[in-house]
Amino acid sequence: MIGFGLGFAASALSLLSGNTISINGTAIGGWTGVWVVTFACGLGGFLFGAIWALVFRAIAIASGR
């Protein structure tokens, strides 16, 4: 949820300041760009959390609880 919030805030403020969002050299204008960045940041946050959950689970299993 934090990834979605940060992605939306950063891209919406960028849009409101008049910037065009560019991903890999492709300009994505308007609210479509905002939602693309929001989704990308949300997915990144999810993957970050999932990896750390696996790391902590592996540590718990290795320590024998």
PDB file of N, CA and C in Angstrom:
ATOM      1  N   MET A   1       0.829  -1.197   0.000  1.00  0.00           N
ATOM      2  CA  MET A   1       0.000   0.000   0.000  1.00  0.00           C
ATOM      3  C   MET A   1       0.871   1.257   0.000  1.00  0.00           C
ATOM      4  N   ILE A   2       2.005   1.178   0.686  1.00  0.00           N
ATOM      5  CA  ILE A   2       2.892   2.338   0.719  1.00  0.00           C
ATOM      6  C   ILE A   2       3.443   2.619  -0.674  1.00  0.00           C
ATOM      7  N   GLY A   3       3.779   1.551  -1.422  1.00  0.00           N
ATOM      8  CA  GLY A   3       4.278   1.724  -2.785  1.00  0.00           C
ATOM      9  C   GLY A   3       3.256   2.406  -3.681  1.00  0.00           C
ATOM     10  N   PHE A   4       1.983   1.999  -3.548  1.00  0.00           N
ATOM     11  CA  PHE A   4       0.930   2.643  -4.334  1.00  0.00           C
ATOM     12  C   PHE A   4       0.804   4.122  -3.959  1.00  0.00           C
ATOM     13  N   GLY A   5       0.837   4.399  -2.669  1.00  0.00           N
ATOM     14  CA  GLY A   5       0.709   5.791  -2.218  1.00  0.00           C
ATOM     15  C   GLY A   5       1.846   6.665  -2.683  1.00  0.00           C
ATOM     16  N   LEU A   6       3.065   6.158  -2.546  1.00  0.00           N
ATOM     17  CA  LEU A   6       4.227   6.940  -2.989  1.00  0.00           C
ATOM     18  C   LEU A   6       4.233   7.128  -4.504  1.00  0.00           C
ATOM     19  N   GLY A   7       3.893   6.077  -5.231  1.00  0.00           N
ATOM     20  CA  GLY A   7       3.859   6.177  -6.691  1.00  0.00           C
ATOM     21  C   GLY A   7       2.822   7.167  -7.167  1.00  0.00           C
ATOM     22  N   PHE A   8       1.629   7.108  -6.550  1.00  0.00           N
ATOM     23  CA  PHE A   8       0.573   8.027  -6.957  1.00  0.00           C
ATOM     24  C   PHE A   8       0.940   9.465  -6.604  1.00  0.00           C
ATOM     25  N   ALA A   9       1.452   9.688  -5.400  1.00  0.00           N
ATOM     26  CA  ALA A   9       1.786  11.050  -4.980  1.00  0.00           C
ATOM     27  C   ALA A   9       2.860  11.654  -5.881  1.00  0.00           C
ATOM     28  N   ALA A  10       3.922  10.901  -6.126  1.00  0.00           N
ATOM     29  CA  ALA A  10       5.018  11.435  -6.940  1.00  0.00           C
ATOM     30  C   ALA A  10       4.577  11.709  -8.373  1.00  0.00           C
ATOM     31  N   SER A  11       3.849  10.784  -8.972  1.00  0.00           N
ATOM     32  CA  SER A  11       3.455  10.978 -10.367  1.00  0.00           C
ATOM     33  C   SER A  11       2.358  12.024 -10.514  1.00  0.00           C
ATOM     34  N   ALA A  12       1.441  12.103  -9.558  1.00  0.00           N
ATOM     35  CA  ALA A  12       0.395  13.125  -9.638  1.00  0.00           C
ATOM     36  C   ALA A  12       0.994  14.519  -9.478  1.00  0.00           C
ATOM     37  N   LEU A  13       1.927  14.674  -8.560  1.00  0.00           N
ATOM     38  CA  LEU A  13       2.583  15.974  -8.410  1.00  0.00           C
ATOM     39  C   LEU A  13       3.406  16.327  -9.643  1.00  0.00           C
ATOM     40  N   SER A  14       4.025  15.327 -10.252  1.00  0.00           N
ATOM     41  CA  SER A  14       4.775  15.565 -11.482  1.00  0.00           C
ATOM     42  C   SER A  14       3.839  16.020 -12.602  1.00  0.00           C
ATOM     43  N   LEU A  15       2.694  15.374 -12.702  1.00  0.00           N
ATOM     44  CA  LEU A  15       1.713  15.757 -13.719  1.00  0.00           C
ATOM     45  C   LEU A  15       1.204  17.176 -13.479  1.00  0.00           C
ATOM     46  N   LEU A  16       0.895  17.488 -12.241  1.00  0.00           N
ATOM     47  CA  LEU A  16       0.362  18.811 -11.917  1.00  0.00           C
ATOM     48  C   LEU A  16       1.388  19.926 -12.137  1.00  0.00           C
ATOM     49  N   SER A  17       2.677  19.586 -12.057  1.00  0.00           N
ATOM     50  CA  SER A  17       3.694  20.609 -12.295  1.00  0.00           C
ATOM     51  C   SER A  17       3.993  20.778 -13.783  1.00  0.00           C
ATOM     52  N   GLY A  18       3.352  19.975 -14.622  1.00  0.00           N
ATOM     53  CA  GLY A  18       3.485  20.153 -16.062  1.00  0.00           C
ATOM     54  C   GLY A  18       4.494  19.240 -16.722  1.00  0.00           C
ATOM     55  N   ASN A  19       5.031  18.281 -15.999  1.00  0.00           N
ATOM     56  CA  ASN A  19       6.011  17.355 -16.579  1.00  0.00           C
ATOM     57  C   ASN A  19       5.303  16.215 -17.285  1.00  0.00           C
ATOM     58  N   THR A  20       5.995  15.635 -18.251  1.00  0.00           N
ATOM     59  CA  THR A  20       5.508  14.445 -18.937  1.00  0.00           C
ATOM     60  C   THR A  20       6.265  13.253 -18.388  1.00  0.00           C
ATOM     61  N   ILE A  21       5.554  12.205 -18.042  1.00  0.00           N
ATOM     62  CA  ILE A  21       6.180  11.011 -17.496  1.00  0.00           C
ATOM     63  C   ILE A  21       6.762  10.204 -18.645  1.00  0.00           C
ATOM     64  N   SER A  22       8.035   9.832 -18.504  1.00  0.00           N
ATOM     65  CA  SER A  22       8.723   9.084 -19.543  1.00  0.00           C
ATOM     66  C   SER A  22       9.198   7.752 -18.977  1.00  0.00           C
ATOM     67  N   ILE A  23       8.840   6.670 -19.650  1.00  0.00           N
ATOM     68  CA  ILE A  23       9.271   5.337 -19.245  1.00  0.00           C
ATOM     69  C   ILE A  23      10.021   4.720 -20.415  1.00  0.00           C
ATOM     70  N   ASN A  24      11.300   4.434 -20.224  1.00  0.00           N
ATOM     71  CA  ASN A  24      12.164   3.873 -21.269  1.00  0.00           C
ATOM     72  C   ASN A  24      12.147   4.724 -22.538  1.00  0.00           C
ATOM     73  N   GLY A  25      12.096   6.016 -22.390  1.00  0.00           N
ATOM     74  CA  GLY A  25      12.114   6.913 -23.530  1.00  0.00           C
ATOM     75  C   GLY A  25      10.768   7.132 -24.185  1.00  0.00           C
ATOM     76  N   THR A  26       9.733   6.481 -23.700  1.00  0.00           N
ATOM     77  CA  THR A  26       8.389   6.642 -24.244  1.00  0.00           C
ATOM     78  C   THR A  26       7.600   7.587 -23.353  1.00  0.00           C
ATOM     79  N   ALA A  27       7.147   8.685 -23.910  1.00  0.00           N
ATOM     80  CA  ALA A  27       6.388   9.662 -23.147  1.00  0.00           C
ATOM     81  C   ALA A  27       4.956   9.175 -22.962  1.00  0.00           C
ATOM     82  N   ILE A  28       4.518   9.181 -21.718  1.00  0.00           N
ATOM     83  CA  ILE A  28       3.146   8.796 -21.397  1.00  0.00           C
ATOM     84  C   ILE A  28       2.505   9.994 -20.717  1.00  0.00           C
ATOM     85  N   GLY A  29       1.599  10.637 -21.401  1.00  0.00           N
ATOM     86  CA  GLY A  29       1.006  11.860 -20.892  1.00  0.00           C
ATOM     87  C   GLY A  29      -0.283  11.628 -20.133  1.00  0.00           C
ATOM     88  N   GLY A  30      -0.642  12.598 -19.347  1.00  0.00           N
ATOM     89  CA  GLY A  30      -1.923  12.605 -18.657  1.00  0.00           C
ATOM     90  C   GLY A  30      -1.998  11.616 -17.509  1.00  0.00           C
ATOM     91  N   TRP A  31      -3.230  11.272 -17.169  1.00  0.00           N
ATOM     92  CA  TRP A  31      -3.476  10.395 -16.030  1.00  0.00           C
ATOM     93  C   TRP A  31      -3.074   8.956 -16.308  1.00  0.00           C
ATOM     94  N   THR A  32      -2.942   8.593 -17.572  1.00  0.00           N
ATOM     95  CA  THR A  32      -2.462   7.245 -17.891  1.00  0.00           C
ATOM     96  C   THR A  32      -1.054   7.053 -17.346  1.00  0.00           C
ATOM     97  N   GLY A  33      -0.218   8.046 -17.498  1.00  0.00           N
ATOM     98  CA  GLY A  33       1.143   7.981 -16.957  1.00  0.00           C
ATOM     99  C   GLY A  33       1.153   7.881 -15.444  1.00  0.00           C
ATOM    100  N   VAL A  34       0.241   8.612 -14.816  1.00  0.00           N
ATOM    101  CA  VAL A  34       0.148   8.566 -13.353  1.00  0.00           C
ATOM    102  C   VAL A  34      -0.194   7.156 -12.900  1.00  0.00           C
ATOM    103  N   TRP A  35      -1.162   6.519 -13.556  1.00  0.00           N
ATOM    104  CA  TRP A  35      -1.571   5.177 -13.138  1.00  0.00           C
ATOM    105  C   TRP A  35      -0.517   4.135 -13.468  1.00  0.00           C
ATOM    106  N   VAL A  36       0.228   4.328 -14.548  1.00  0.00           N
ATOM    107  CA  VAL A  36       1.313   3.397 -14.879  1.00  0.00           C
ATOM    108  C   VAL A  36       2.389   3.447 -13.799  1.00  0.00           C
ATOM    109  N   VAL A  37       2.782   4.648 -13.393  1.00  0.00           N
ATOM    110  CA  VAL A  37       3.796   4.789 -12.347  1.00  0.00           C
ATOM    111  C   VAL A  37       3.259   4.260 -11.020  1.00  0.00           C
ATOM    112  N   THR A  38       2.003   4.529 -10.717  1.00  0.00           N
ATOM    113  CA  THR A  38       1.395   4.034  -9.476  1.00  0.00           C
ATOM    114  C   THR A  38       1.420   2.509  -9.443  1.00  0.00           C
ATOM    115  N   PHE A  39       1.034   1.872 -10.545  1.00  0.00           N
ATOM    116  CA  PHE A  39       1.053   0.415 -10.613  1.00  0.00           C
ATOM    117  C   PHE A  39       2.474  -0.121 -10.485  1.00  0.00           C
ATOM    118  N   ALA A  40       3.434   0.520 -11.155  1.00  0.00           N
ATOM    119  CA  ALA A  40       4.819   0.059 -11.100  1.00  0.00           C
ATOM    120  C   ALA A  40       5.377   0.153  -9.685  1.00  0.00           C
ATOM    121  N   CYS A  41       5.112   1.243  -9.001  1.00  0.00           N
ATOM    122  CA  CYS A  41       5.603   1.399  -7.627  1.00  0.00           C
ATOM    123  C   CYS A  41       4.895   0.433  -6.682  1.00  0.00           C
ATOM    124  N   GLY A  42       3.610   0.199  -6.891  1.00  0.00           N
ATOM    125  CA  GLY A  42       2.883  -0.763  -6.077  1.00  0.00           C
ATOM    126  C   GLY A  42       3.399  -2.179  -6.261  1.00  0.00           C
ATOM    127  N   LEU A  43       3.672  -2.546  -7.502  1.00  0.00           N
ATOM    128  CA  LEU A  43       4.220  -3.865  -7.793  1.00  0.00           C
ATOM    129  C   LEU A  43       5.614  -4.004  -7.191  1.00  0.00           C
ATOM    130  N   GLY A  44       6.408  -2.954  -7.302  1.00  0.00           N
ATOM    131  CA  GLY A  44       7.741  -2.979  -6.695  1.00  0.00           C
ATOM    132  C   GLY A  44       7.673  -3.138  -5.189  1.00  0.00           C
ATOM    133  N   GLY A  45       6.753  -2.434  -4.558  1.00  0.00           N
ATOM    134  CA  GLY A  45       6.582  -2.562  -3.113  1.00  0.00           C
ATOM    135  C   GLY A  45       6.120  -3.949  -2.716  1.00  0.00           C
ATOM    136  N   PHE A  46       5.226  -4.534  -3.495  1.00  0.00           N
ATOM    137  CA  PHE A  46       4.759  -5.887  -3.220  1.00  0.00           C
ATOM    138  C   PHE A  46       5.897  -6.894  -3.321  1.00  0.00           C
ATOM    139  N   LEU A  47       6.691  -6.790  -4.385  1.00  0.00           N
ATOM    140  CA  LEU A  47       7.808  -7.712  -4.563  1.00  0.00           C
ATOM    141  C   LEU A  47       8.854  -7.542  -3.468  1.00  0.00           C
ATOM    142  N   PHE A  48       9.113  -6.315  -3.069  1.00  0.00           N
ATOM    143  CA  PHE A  48      10.041  -6.045  -1.980  1.00  0.00           C
ATOM    144  C   PHE A  48       9.559  -6.722  -0.694  1.00  0.00           C
ATOM    145  N   GLY A  49       8.283  -6.569  -0.380  1.00  0.00           N
ATOM    146  CA  GLY A  49       7.721  -7.194   0.811  1.00  0.00           C
ATOM    147  C   GLY A  49       7.721  -8.707   0.729  1.00  0.00           C
ATOM    148  N   ALA A  50       7.417  -9.248  -0.442  1.00  0.00           N
ATOM    149  CA  ALA A  50       7.386 -10.699  -0.610  1.00  0.00           C
ATOM    150  C   ALA A  50       8.770 -11.305  -0.438  1.00  0.00           C
ATOM    151  N   ILE A  51       9.782 -10.651  -0.969  1.00  0.00           N
ATOM    152  CA  ILE A  51      11.152 -11.156  -0.827  1.00  0.00           C
ATOM    153  C   ILE A  51      11.576 -11.152   0.633  1.00  0.00           C
ATOM    154  N   TRP A  52      11.285 -10.065   1.337  1.00  0.00           N
ATOM    155  CA  TRP A  52      11.664 -10.003   2.755  1.00  0.00           C
ATOM    156  C   TRP A  52      10.873 -10.999   3.580  1.00  0.00           C
ATOM    157  N   ALA A  53       9.622 -11.267   3.236  1.00  0.00           N
ATOM    158  CA  ALA A  53       8.843 -12.281   3.943  1.00  0.00           C
ATOM    159  C   ALA A  53       9.494 -13.651   3.771  1.00  0.00           C
ATOM    160  N   LEU A  54       9.956 -13.949   2.560  1.00  0.00           N
ATOM    161  CA  LEU A  54      10.643 -15.216   2.324  1.00  0.00           C
ATOM    162  C   LEU A  54      11.955 -15.297   3.089  1.00  0.00           C
ATOM    163  N   VAL A  55      12.684 -14.196   3.149  1.00  0.00           N
ATOM    164  CA  VAL A  55      13.961 -14.177   3.886  1.00  0.00           C
ATOM    165  C   VAL A  55      13.712 -14.447   5.363  1.00  0.00           C
ATOM    166  N   PHE A  56      12.725 -13.762   5.951  1.00  0.00           N
ATOM    167  CA  PHE A  56      12.462 -13.965   7.371  1.00  0.00           C
ATOM    168  C   PHE A  56      11.922 -15.370   7.648  1.00  0.00           C
ATOM    169  N   ARG A  57      11.140 -15.909   6.722  1.00  0.00           N
ATOM    170  CA  ARG A  57      10.640 -17.285   6.895  1.00  0.00           C
ATOM    171  C   ARG A  57      11.800 -18.273   6.845  1.00  0.00           C
ATOM    172  N   ALA A  58      12.740 -18.047   5.937  1.00  0.00           N
ATOM    173  CA  ALA A  58      13.906 -18.937   5.846  1.00  0.00           C
ATOM    174  C   ALA A  58      14.749 -18.835   7.120  1.00  0.00           C
ATOM    175  N   ILE A  59      14.889 -17.665   7.673  1.00  0.00           N
ATOM    176  CA  ILE A  59      15.644 -17.502   8.920  1.00  0.00           C
ATOM    177  C   ILE A  59      14.928 -18.227  10.062  1.00  0.00           C
ATOM    178  N   ALA A  60      13.597 -18.121  10.103  1.00  0.00           N
ATOM    179  CA  ALA A  60      12.829 -18.808  11.152  1.00  0.00           C
ATOM    180  C   ALA A  60      12.957 -20.325  11.031  1.00  0.00           C
ATOM    181  N   ILE A  61      12.897 -20.838   9.829  1.00  0.00           N
ATOM    182  CA  ILE A  61      13.039 -22.286   9.632  1.00  0.00           C
ATOM    183  C   ILE A  61      14.442 -22.734  10.002  1.00  0.00           C
ATOM    184  N   ALA A  62      15.447 -21.946   9.603  1.00  0.00           N
ATOM    185  CA  ALA A  62      16.837 -22.310   9.876  1.00  0.00           C
ATOM    186  C   ALA A  62      17.160 -22.274  11.371  1.00  0.00           C
ATOM    187  N   SER A  63      16.507 -21.382  12.089  1.00  0.00           N
ATOM    188  CA  SER A  63      16.791 -21.280  13.528  1.00  0.00           C
ATOM    189  C   SER A  63      16.040 -22.330  14.336  1.00  0.00           C
ATOM    190  N   GLY A  64      15.161 -23.046  13.706  1.00  0.00           N
ATOM    191  CA  GLY A  64      14.415 -24.106  14.388  1.00  0.00           C
ATOM    192  C   GLY A  64      13.306 -23.591  15.274  1.00  0.00           C
ATOM    193  N   ARG A  65      12.989 -22.313  15.148  1.00  0.00           N
ATOM    194  CA  ARG A  65      11.934 -21.670  15.927  1.00  0.00           C
ATOM    195  C   ARG A  65      12.207 -21.918  17.336  1.00  0.00           C
TER     196      ARG A  65
END
